[in-house]
N, C-alpha and C. Protein backbone atom coordinates (compact mmCIF):
# COMPACT_ATOMS: atom_id res chain seq x y z
N MET A 1 -28.70 17.76 0.68
CA MET A 1 -28.70 16.79 1.85
C MET A 1 -30.12 16.37 2.33
N LYS A 2 -30.47 15.14 2.19
CA LYS A 2 -31.83 14.79 2.66
C LYS A 2 -31.85 14.76 4.10
N CYS A 3 -32.88 15.04 4.81
CA CYS A 3 -33.23 14.95 6.17
C CYS A 3 -33.28 13.50 6.47
N PRO A 4 -32.44 12.93 7.53
CA PRO A 4 -32.64 11.59 7.84
C PRO A 4 -33.95 11.21 8.62
N PHE A 5 -34.61 12.37 8.94
CA PHE A 5 -35.95 11.95 9.76
C PHE A 5 -37.06 12.04 8.80
N CYS A 6 -37.27 13.11 7.99
CA CYS A 6 -38.44 13.06 7.26
C CYS A 6 -38.21 12.89 5.77
N LYS A 7 -36.75 12.65 5.46
CA LYS A 7 -36.33 12.40 3.94
C LYS A 7 -36.71 13.68 3.10
N HIS A 8 -36.88 14.77 3.53
CA HIS A 8 -37.03 16.11 2.74
C HIS A 8 -35.75 16.50 2.12
N ASP A 9 -35.78 16.91 0.97
CA ASP A 9 -34.57 17.17 0.21
C ASP A 9 -33.85 18.67 0.62
N SER A 10 -34.66 19.42 1.32
CA SER A 10 -33.89 20.70 1.66
C SER A 10 -33.63 20.97 3.08
N THR A 11 -32.43 21.09 3.29
CA THR A 11 -31.89 21.18 4.69
C THR A 11 -30.89 22.38 4.45
N GLN A 12 -30.61 23.07 5.63
CA GLN A 12 -30.01 24.38 5.74
C GLN A 12 -28.72 24.01 6.76
N VAL A 13 -27.50 24.66 6.25
CA VAL A 13 -26.39 24.37 7.18
C VAL A 13 -26.42 25.68 8.20
N ILE A 14 -26.39 25.03 9.44
CA ILE A 14 -26.47 26.11 10.57
C ILE A 14 -24.98 26.54 10.93
N ASP A 15 -24.09 25.46 11.01
CA ASP A 15 -22.78 25.64 11.59
C ASP A 15 -21.88 24.78 10.91
N SER A 16 -20.66 25.41 10.55
CA SER A 16 -19.54 24.42 9.86
C SER A 16 -18.23 24.70 10.82
N ARG A 17 -17.69 23.59 11.19
CA ARG A 17 -16.47 23.54 11.78
C ARG A 17 -15.36 22.66 11.47
N VAL A 18 -14.04 23.04 11.45
CA VAL A 18 -13.13 22.00 10.90
C VAL A 18 -12.63 21.31 12.14
N SER A 19 -12.49 20.07 12.09
CA SER A 19 -12.14 19.23 13.13
C SER A 19 -10.75 19.65 13.65
N ASP A 20 -10.41 19.28 14.87
CA ASP A 20 -9.14 19.51 15.48
C ASP A 20 -7.99 19.17 14.64
N ALA A 21 -8.06 17.98 14.08
CA ALA A 21 -7.02 17.42 13.19
C ALA A 21 -6.93 18.14 11.77
N GLY A 22 -7.88 18.71 11.52
CA GLY A 22 -8.10 19.49 10.17
C GLY A 22 -8.34 18.52 8.95
N ASP A 23 -8.69 17.24 9.20
CA ASP A 23 -9.10 16.38 8.12
C ASP A 23 -10.61 15.97 7.89
N SER A 24 -11.32 16.87 8.62
CA SER A 24 -13.03 16.78 8.22
C SER A 24 -13.56 17.95 8.63
N ILE A 25 -14.62 18.22 8.21
CA ILE A 25 -15.56 19.31 8.34
C ILE A 25 -16.86 18.73 8.98
N ARG A 26 -17.27 19.34 10.23
CA ARG A 26 -18.36 18.93 10.91
C ARG A 26 -19.47 20.11 10.57
N ARG A 27 -20.68 19.56 10.10
CA ARG A 27 -21.83 20.60 9.84
C ARG A 27 -23.00 20.30 10.40
N ARG A 28 -23.55 21.24 11.21
CA ARG A 28 -24.85 21.12 11.82
C ARG A 28 -25.92 21.55 10.89
N ARG A 29 -26.94 20.76 10.69
CA ARG A 29 -27.86 21.12 9.74
C ARG A 29 -29.21 21.23 10.19
N ARG A 30 -30.30 21.90 9.72
CA ARG A 30 -31.52 21.86 10.05
C ARG A 30 -32.54 21.59 8.81
N CYS A 31 -33.46 20.71 9.06
CA CYS A 31 -34.46 20.26 7.94
C CYS A 31 -35.54 21.48 7.82
N GLU A 32 -35.70 21.96 6.68
CA GLU A 32 -36.53 23.05 6.43
C GLU A 32 -37.93 22.66 6.63
N SER A 33 -38.25 21.31 6.65
CA SER A 33 -39.58 20.67 6.61
C SER A 33 -39.97 20.51 8.08
N CYS A 34 -39.24 19.74 8.75
CA CYS A 34 -39.66 19.13 10.11
C CYS A 34 -38.81 20.10 11.17
N ASN A 35 -38.00 20.67 10.88
CA ASN A 35 -36.97 21.62 11.60
C ASN A 35 -36.16 20.70 12.66
N LYS A 36 -35.94 19.39 12.49
CA LYS A 36 -35.10 18.80 13.25
C LYS A 36 -33.65 18.97 12.80
N ARG A 37 -32.83 18.96 13.79
CA ARG A 37 -31.34 19.21 13.44
C ARG A 37 -30.57 17.87 13.53
N PHE A 38 -29.48 17.85 12.70
CA PHE A 38 -28.59 16.62 12.51
C PHE A 38 -27.35 17.02 12.20
N THR A 39 -26.18 16.33 12.41
CA THR A 39 -24.84 16.55 12.07
C THR A 39 -24.24 15.69 10.84
N THR A 40 -23.54 16.30 10.02
CA THR A 40 -23.04 15.64 8.91
C THR A 40 -21.51 15.83 8.93
N TYR A 41 -20.60 14.96 8.47
CA TYR A 41 -19.26 15.17 8.43
C TYR A 41 -18.80 15.08 7.06
N GLU A 42 -17.84 15.87 6.51
CA GLU A 42 -17.29 15.91 5.26
C GLU A 42 -15.79 15.55 5.28
N THR A 43 -15.33 14.40 4.80
CA THR A 43 -13.99 13.98 4.75
C THR A 43 -13.41 13.79 3.33
N VAL A 44 -12.15 13.79 2.98
CA VAL A 44 -11.59 13.47 1.91
C VAL A 44 -11.65 11.85 1.62
N GLU A 45 -12.08 11.51 0.43
CA GLU A 45 -11.97 10.15 0.04
C GLU A 45 -10.92 9.94 -1.01
N LEU A 46 -9.76 9.21 -0.56
CA LEU A 46 -8.83 8.87 -1.49
C LEU A 46 -9.04 7.37 -2.06
N ARG A 47 -8.99 7.24 -3.21
CA ARG A 47 -9.27 6.01 -4.04
C ARG A 47 -7.85 5.31 -4.39
N MET A 48 -7.55 4.18 -3.84
CA MET A 48 -6.47 3.48 -4.26
C MET A 48 -6.67 3.06 -5.55
N PRO A 49 -5.60 2.87 -6.45
CA PRO A 49 -5.77 2.36 -7.76
C PRO A 49 -6.07 0.94 -7.80
N GLN A 50 -6.59 0.32 -8.89
CA GLN A 50 -6.93 -1.05 -9.14
C GLN A 50 -5.47 -1.64 -9.35
N VAL A 51 -5.28 -2.93 -9.10
CA VAL A 51 -4.18 -3.68 -9.40
C VAL A 51 -4.44 -4.58 -10.60
N ALA A 52 -3.64 -4.34 -11.41
CA ALA A 52 -3.75 -4.98 -12.74
C ALA A 52 -2.78 -6.36 -12.65
N LYS A 53 -3.27 -7.52 -12.63
CA LYS A 53 -2.36 -8.83 -12.32
C LYS A 53 -1.90 -9.11 -13.75
N GLN A 54 -0.94 -10.11 -13.76
CA GLN A 54 -0.34 -10.68 -14.91
C GLN A 54 -1.16 -11.40 -15.91
N ASP A 55 -2.34 -11.99 -15.33
CA ASP A 55 -3.28 -12.77 -16.14
C ASP A 55 -4.30 -11.85 -16.78
N GLY A 56 -4.18 -10.50 -16.60
CA GLY A 56 -5.03 -9.56 -17.11
C GLY A 56 -6.33 -9.18 -16.33
N SER A 57 -6.46 -9.86 -15.13
CA SER A 57 -7.62 -9.54 -14.41
C SER A 57 -7.24 -8.12 -13.48
N ARG A 58 -8.17 -7.56 -12.90
CA ARG A 58 -8.07 -6.41 -12.14
C ARG A 58 -8.79 -6.71 -10.74
N THR A 59 -8.19 -6.19 -9.73
CA THR A 59 -8.68 -6.35 -8.48
C THR A 59 -8.55 -5.02 -7.66
N GLU A 60 -9.36 -4.87 -6.67
CA GLU A 60 -9.15 -3.74 -5.70
C GLU A 60 -7.77 -3.91 -4.85
N PHE A 61 -7.27 -2.71 -4.73
CA PHE A 61 -5.92 -2.76 -3.89
C PHE A 61 -6.52 -3.25 -2.27
N ASP A 62 -5.76 -4.23 -1.84
CA ASP A 62 -5.98 -4.77 -0.60
C ASP A 62 -4.94 -4.48 0.49
N MET A 63 -5.08 -3.50 1.33
CA MET A 63 -4.04 -3.15 2.21
C MET A 63 -3.72 -4.44 3.16
N GLN A 64 -4.56 -5.20 3.43
CA GLN A 64 -4.51 -6.37 4.33
C GLN A 64 -3.52 -7.39 3.50
N LYS A 65 -3.78 -7.48 2.45
CA LYS A 65 -2.93 -8.41 1.39
C LYS A 65 -1.46 -8.00 1.65
N LEU A 66 -1.26 -6.68 1.41
CA LEU A 66 0.17 -6.09 1.61
C LEU A 66 0.75 -6.15 2.90
N ARG A 67 -0.13 -6.05 3.92
CA ARG A 67 0.32 -6.40 5.37
C ARG A 67 0.77 -7.87 5.46
N THR A 68 -0.13 -8.76 5.06
CA THR A 68 0.21 -9.99 5.26
C THR A 68 1.58 -10.58 4.35
N GLY A 69 1.78 -9.97 3.40
CA GLY A 69 3.12 -10.15 2.66
C GLY A 69 4.27 -9.86 3.41
N PHE A 70 4.07 -8.63 3.89
CA PHE A 70 5.25 -8.14 4.93
C PHE A 70 5.38 -9.14 6.11
N MET A 71 4.18 -9.53 6.66
CA MET A 71 4.30 -10.30 7.99
C MET A 71 4.89 -11.70 7.54
N ARG A 72 4.46 -12.22 6.44
CA ARG A 72 5.16 -13.48 6.08
C ARG A 72 6.52 -13.58 5.84
N ALA A 73 6.99 -12.44 5.18
CA ALA A 73 8.55 -12.32 4.92
C ALA A 73 9.27 -11.96 6.20
N LEU A 74 8.66 -11.31 7.18
CA LEU A 74 9.39 -10.90 8.45
C LEU A 74 9.05 -11.81 9.64
N HIS A 75 8.35 -12.98 9.44
CA HIS A 75 8.18 -13.80 10.53
C HIS A 75 9.37 -14.22 11.28
N LYS A 76 9.23 -13.95 12.46
CA LYS A 76 10.30 -14.18 13.50
C LYS A 76 11.72 -13.36 13.11
N ARG A 77 11.54 -12.32 12.63
CA ARG A 77 12.67 -11.53 12.34
C ARG A 77 12.51 -10.31 13.22
N PRO A 78 13.68 -9.72 13.63
CA PRO A 78 13.73 -8.61 14.70
C PRO A 78 13.43 -7.25 14.13
N VAL A 79 12.35 -7.05 13.44
CA VAL A 79 12.03 -5.95 12.81
C VAL A 79 10.82 -5.26 13.64
N PRO A 80 10.91 -4.06 14.17
CA PRO A 80 9.78 -3.43 14.96
C PRO A 80 8.49 -3.25 13.96
N THR A 81 7.38 -3.45 14.58
CA THR A 81 6.11 -3.09 13.90
C THR A 81 6.08 -1.80 13.36
N ALA A 82 6.61 -0.91 14.15
CA ALA A 82 6.41 0.58 13.63
C ALA A 82 7.12 0.74 12.27
N LEU A 83 8.25 0.21 12.01
CA LEU A 83 9.03 0.11 10.77
C LEU A 83 8.25 -0.55 9.63
N VAL A 84 7.48 -1.65 10.17
CA VAL A 84 6.71 -2.33 9.01
C VAL A 84 5.64 -1.38 8.50
N GLU A 85 4.92 -0.69 9.54
CA GLU A 85 3.76 0.13 9.20
C GLU A 85 4.33 1.25 8.49
N GLU A 86 5.45 1.88 8.66
CA GLU A 86 6.13 2.95 7.85
C GLU A 86 6.28 2.50 6.51
N ALA A 87 6.71 1.19 6.27
CA ALA A 87 7.06 0.66 5.03
C ALA A 87 5.77 0.65 4.20
N ILE A 88 4.75 0.10 4.96
CA ILE A 88 3.33 -0.02 4.08
C ILE A 88 2.83 1.31 3.79
N SER A 89 3.09 2.32 4.74
CA SER A 89 2.47 3.66 4.45
C SER A 89 3.25 4.28 3.38
N ALA A 90 4.70 3.93 3.39
CA ALA A 90 5.32 4.46 2.23
C ALA A 90 4.82 4.02 0.87
N ILE A 91 4.58 2.81 0.83
CA ILE A 91 4.04 2.09 -0.49
C ILE A 91 2.70 2.65 -0.84
N THR A 92 1.74 2.80 0.06
CA THR A 92 0.43 3.25 -0.25
C THR A 92 0.56 4.68 -0.55
N GLN A 93 1.34 5.46 0.07
CA GLN A 93 1.68 6.96 -0.40
C GLN A 93 2.10 7.16 -1.74
N ASN A 94 3.05 6.13 -2.04
CA ASN A 94 3.63 6.13 -3.44
C ASN A 94 2.63 5.82 -4.47
N LEU A 95 1.66 4.81 -4.14
CA LEU A 95 0.67 4.41 -5.13
C LEU A 95 -0.38 5.53 -5.30
N LEU A 96 -0.66 6.30 -4.17
CA LEU A 96 -1.55 7.56 -4.31
C LEU A 96 -0.84 8.63 -5.11
N ALA A 97 0.43 8.83 -4.94
CA ALA A 97 1.16 9.99 -5.48
C ALA A 97 1.29 9.63 -6.88
N MET A 98 1.05 8.55 -7.35
CA MET A 98 1.24 8.14 -8.81
C MET A 98 0.10 8.77 -9.64
N GLY A 99 -1.08 8.76 -8.87
CA GLY A 99 -2.21 9.32 -9.52
C GLY A 99 -2.83 8.46 -10.69
N GLU A 100 -2.53 7.17 -10.72
CA GLU A 100 -2.94 6.27 -11.75
C GLU A 100 -4.14 5.61 -11.33
N ARG A 101 -5.13 5.19 -12.21
CA ARG A 101 -6.18 4.48 -11.85
C ARG A 101 -5.97 3.06 -11.78
N GLU A 102 -4.95 2.57 -12.32
CA GLU A 102 -4.42 1.08 -12.07
C GLU A 102 -2.98 1.04 -12.21
N VAL A 103 -2.48 -0.06 -11.38
CA VAL A 103 -1.00 -0.25 -11.19
C VAL A 103 -0.85 -1.65 -11.29
N PRO A 104 0.19 -2.04 -12.23
CA PRO A 104 0.74 -3.40 -12.23
C PRO A 104 0.90 -3.98 -10.89
N ALA A 105 0.57 -5.30 -10.80
CA ALA A 105 0.85 -5.96 -9.56
C ALA A 105 2.40 -5.98 -9.27
N ARG A 106 3.16 -6.29 -10.55
CA ARG A 106 4.42 -6.24 -10.30
C ARG A 106 5.25 -5.07 -9.83
N ARG A 107 4.78 -3.81 -10.16
CA ARG A 107 5.08 -2.48 -9.64
C ARG A 107 5.11 -2.56 -8.04
N ILE A 108 3.99 -3.08 -7.70
CA ILE A 108 3.63 -3.19 -6.08
C ILE A 108 4.70 -4.12 -5.58
N GLY A 109 4.89 -5.30 -6.16
CA GLY A 109 5.90 -6.25 -5.77
C GLY A 109 7.25 -5.68 -5.68
N GLU A 110 7.52 -4.93 -6.76
CA GLU A 110 8.92 -4.23 -6.59
C GLU A 110 9.10 -3.34 -5.50
N MET A 111 8.02 -2.49 -5.04
CA MET A 111 8.00 -1.65 -4.01
C MET A 111 8.25 -2.45 -2.69
N VAL A 112 7.46 -3.54 -2.61
CA VAL A 112 7.54 -4.47 -1.40
C VAL A 112 9.05 -4.84 -1.38
N MET A 113 9.66 -5.36 -2.43
CA MET A 113 10.97 -5.89 -2.47
C MET A 113 12.04 -4.71 -1.89
N ARG A 114 11.80 -3.57 -2.34
CA ARG A 114 12.52 -2.33 -2.01
C ARG A 114 12.56 -2.16 -0.52
N GLU A 115 11.25 -1.98 0.03
CA GLU A 115 11.25 -1.95 1.40
C GLU A 115 11.74 -3.10 2.16
N LEU A 116 11.51 -4.29 1.89
CA LEU A 116 12.10 -5.44 2.59
C LEU A 116 13.68 -5.38 2.54
N TYR A 117 14.13 -5.12 1.53
CA TYR A 117 15.56 -5.02 1.32
C TYR A 117 16.19 -4.02 2.35
N ARG A 118 15.44 -2.84 2.56
CA ARG A 118 16.01 -1.67 3.47
C ARG A 118 15.66 -2.41 4.93
N LEU A 119 14.56 -3.02 5.14
CA LEU A 119 14.28 -3.47 6.70
C LEU A 119 15.16 -4.63 6.97
N ASP A 120 15.15 -5.76 6.12
CA ASP A 120 15.78 -7.00 6.56
C ASP A 120 16.23 -7.77 5.38
N GLU A 121 17.44 -8.31 5.38
CA GLU A 121 17.93 -9.05 4.26
C GLU A 121 17.36 -10.48 4.20
N VAL A 122 17.06 -10.95 5.30
CA VAL A 122 16.65 -12.33 5.29
C VAL A 122 15.01 -12.30 4.87
N ALA A 123 14.31 -11.29 5.26
CA ALA A 123 12.93 -11.02 4.78
C ALA A 123 13.07 -10.86 3.24
N TYR A 124 13.94 -10.12 2.85
CA TYR A 124 13.98 -9.91 1.47
C TYR A 124 14.23 -11.06 0.51
N ILE A 125 14.98 -11.92 1.00
CA ILE A 125 15.48 -13.30 0.41
C ILE A 125 13.92 -14.16 0.47
N ARG A 126 13.43 -14.24 1.64
CA ARG A 126 12.12 -14.83 1.70
C ARG A 126 11.10 -14.59 0.62
N PHE A 127 10.93 -13.18 0.65
CA PHE A 127 9.89 -12.62 -0.38
C PHE A 127 10.36 -12.79 -1.75
N ALA A 128 11.66 -12.71 -2.06
CA ALA A 128 12.33 -12.60 -3.35
C ALA A 128 12.02 -14.11 -3.78
N SER A 129 12.04 -15.08 -3.08
CA SER A 129 12.03 -16.49 -3.33
C SER A 129 10.80 -16.93 -3.93
N VAL A 130 9.63 -16.29 -3.34
CA VAL A 130 8.33 -16.34 -3.74
C VAL A 130 7.96 -15.64 -5.21
N TYR A 131 8.29 -14.35 -4.77
CA TYR A 131 7.86 -13.27 -5.85
C TYR A 131 8.62 -13.58 -7.30
N ARG A 132 9.89 -14.22 -7.16
CA ARG A 132 10.61 -14.39 -8.42
C ARG A 132 10.61 -15.86 -8.76
N SER A 133 9.90 -16.77 -8.05
CA SER A 133 9.50 -18.15 -8.35
C SER A 133 10.92 -18.77 -8.36
N PHE A 134 11.59 -18.79 -7.24
CA PHE A 134 13.03 -19.45 -7.16
C PHE A 134 12.79 -21.08 -7.45
N GLN A 135 13.46 -21.67 -8.28
CA GLN A 135 13.25 -23.13 -8.66
C GLN A 135 14.43 -23.99 -8.15
N GLY A 136 15.57 -23.44 -7.50
CA GLY A 136 16.53 -24.16 -6.99
C GLY A 136 17.53 -23.25 -6.19
N VAL A 137 18.66 -23.95 -5.66
CA VAL A 137 19.51 -23.41 -4.85
C VAL A 137 20.29 -22.27 -5.61
N ASP A 138 20.53 -22.38 -6.90
CA ASP A 138 21.21 -21.40 -7.45
C ASP A 138 20.46 -20.08 -7.42
N ASP A 139 19.07 -20.12 -7.49
CA ASP A 139 18.41 -18.71 -7.34
C ASP A 139 18.56 -18.17 -6.05
N PHE A 140 18.64 -18.88 -5.08
CA PHE A 140 18.82 -18.41 -3.70
C PHE A 140 20.32 -17.84 -3.62
N GLN A 141 21.26 -18.52 -4.16
CA GLN A 141 22.68 -18.00 -4.17
C GLN A 141 22.81 -16.74 -4.88
N ASP A 142 21.97 -16.55 -5.96
CA ASP A 142 21.98 -15.44 -6.73
C ASP A 142 21.53 -14.08 -5.97
N ALA A 143 20.41 -14.55 -5.22
CA ALA A 143 19.81 -13.41 -4.24
C ALA A 143 20.72 -13.13 -3.25
N ILE A 144 21.46 -13.90 -2.59
CA ILE A 144 22.22 -13.71 -1.52
C ILE A 144 23.50 -12.96 -2.07
N LYS A 145 23.91 -13.15 -3.18
CA LYS A 145 24.99 -12.48 -3.70
C LYS A 145 24.67 -11.06 -3.80
N GLU A 146 23.44 -10.76 -4.56
CA GLU A 146 22.93 -9.36 -4.63
C GLU A 146 22.87 -8.56 -3.25
N VAL A 147 22.45 -9.40 -2.11
CA VAL A 147 22.26 -8.66 -0.93
C VAL A 147 23.81 -8.45 -0.27
N GLN A 148 24.74 -9.30 -0.70
CA GLN A 148 26.13 -9.07 -0.29
C GLN A 148 26.79 -8.06 -0.98
N LYS A 149 26.22 -7.37 -2.00
CA LYS A 149 26.81 -6.44 -2.68
C LYS A 149 26.34 -4.93 -2.21
N PRO A 150 26.35 -4.64 -1.08
CA PRO A 150 25.64 -3.39 -0.26
C PRO A 150 26.52 -2.08 -0.92
N VAL A 151 27.69 -2.25 -1.16
CA VAL A 151 28.40 -0.88 -1.50
C VAL A 151 28.04 -0.58 -3.06
N GLN A 152 27.80 -1.44 -3.86
CA GLN A 152 27.37 -1.04 -5.29
C GLN A 152 25.77 -0.50 -5.03
N ASN A 153 25.11 -1.42 -4.52
CA ASN A 153 23.70 -0.85 -4.44
C ASN A 153 23.47 0.19 -3.54
N SER A 154 23.89 0.37 -2.59
CA SER A 154 23.70 1.59 -1.73
C SER A 154 24.22 2.85 -2.31
N ALA A 155 25.46 2.81 -3.09
CA ALA A 155 26.13 3.81 -3.57
C ALA A 155 25.06 4.41 -4.76
N LYS A 156 24.43 3.64 -5.33
CA LYS A 156 23.45 3.94 -6.38
C LYS A 156 22.10 4.29 -5.76
N GLY A 157 21.74 4.01 -4.60
CA GLY A 157 20.59 4.34 -3.94
C GLY A 157 19.53 3.26 -4.37
N LEU A 158 19.92 1.97 -4.81
CA LEU A 158 19.02 1.15 -5.31
C LEU A 158 19.00 -0.04 -4.55
N ALA A 159 17.85 -0.89 -4.39
CA ALA A 159 17.71 -2.18 -3.90
C ALA A 159 18.11 -3.21 -5.09
N PRO A 160 18.40 -4.50 -4.89
CA PRO A 160 18.65 -5.26 -6.14
C PRO A 160 17.46 -5.25 -6.98
N SER A 161 17.67 -5.58 -8.20
CA SER A 161 16.65 -5.53 -9.21
C SER A 161 15.51 -6.48 -8.92
N ALA A 162 14.35 -5.90 -8.68
CA ALA A 162 13.16 -6.82 -8.44
C ALA A 162 12.64 -7.39 -9.67
N ALA A 163 13.04 -7.15 -10.70
CA ALA A 163 12.69 -7.69 -11.96
C ALA A 163 13.43 -8.82 -12.56
N LYS A 164 14.61 -8.93 -11.89
CA LYS A 164 15.65 -10.01 -12.44
C LYS A 164 14.97 -11.47 -12.42
N ALA A 165 15.26 -12.00 -13.33
CA ALA A 165 14.80 -13.46 -13.55
C ALA A 165 15.60 -14.42 -12.69
N PRO A 166 15.00 -15.58 -12.09
CA PRO A 166 15.66 -16.48 -11.22
C PRO A 166 16.67 -17.30 -12.09
N ALA A 167 17.75 -17.54 -11.49
CA ALA A 167 18.84 -18.27 -12.27
C ALA A 167 18.25 -19.56 -13.02
N SER A 168 17.36 -20.31 -12.45
CA SER A 168 16.95 -21.45 -13.04
C SER A 168 16.00 -21.13 -14.47
N ALA A 169 15.65 -19.84 -14.44
CA ALA A 169 14.93 -19.47 -15.67
C ALA A 169 15.93 -19.23 -16.91
N LYS A 170 17.13 -18.78 -16.46
CA LYS A 170 18.28 -18.52 -17.40
C LYS A 170 18.69 -19.85 -18.08
N LYS A 171 18.79 -20.95 -17.17
CA LYS A 171 19.27 -22.13 -17.73
C LYS A 171 18.39 -22.82 -18.78
N GLN A 172 17.21 -22.60 -18.87
CA GLN A 172 16.07 -23.25 -19.62
C GLN A 172 16.16 -22.72 -21.19
């Protein structure tokens, strides 16, 4: 570790302590050249996977974009912010747990659909209409029918299929 004062390469650790939360280590150091003391912190760095888009491009995972998608779908819906944050946290934890360097955008969209289905049916329909590129009323009716079949879906522990094509796509 370089000394921040004299830029000398050799420093000595005088004291190390784990933070109260247990998520970082505080180290007191002394420069062997100028004898000045300074503090460093060591924390875990978790790297979110890259998002592979359908056009083949790759982009950094953007937590704010995920949050914006939830907020647009849940606009004026009676869903507590704490539940939205839990859903976002669940998605990010799932992405980290996958251990993959990149994740298809479609998989993230399916995770969002699953969480919205659990939180609010109207928000689910709103998000699905954009995510699945609804072209007409038939697409909305199909999505509403999916939501109205809670016995079949909940018995299997599944949200409606996020990958299902819109009805208008079937007609072409």
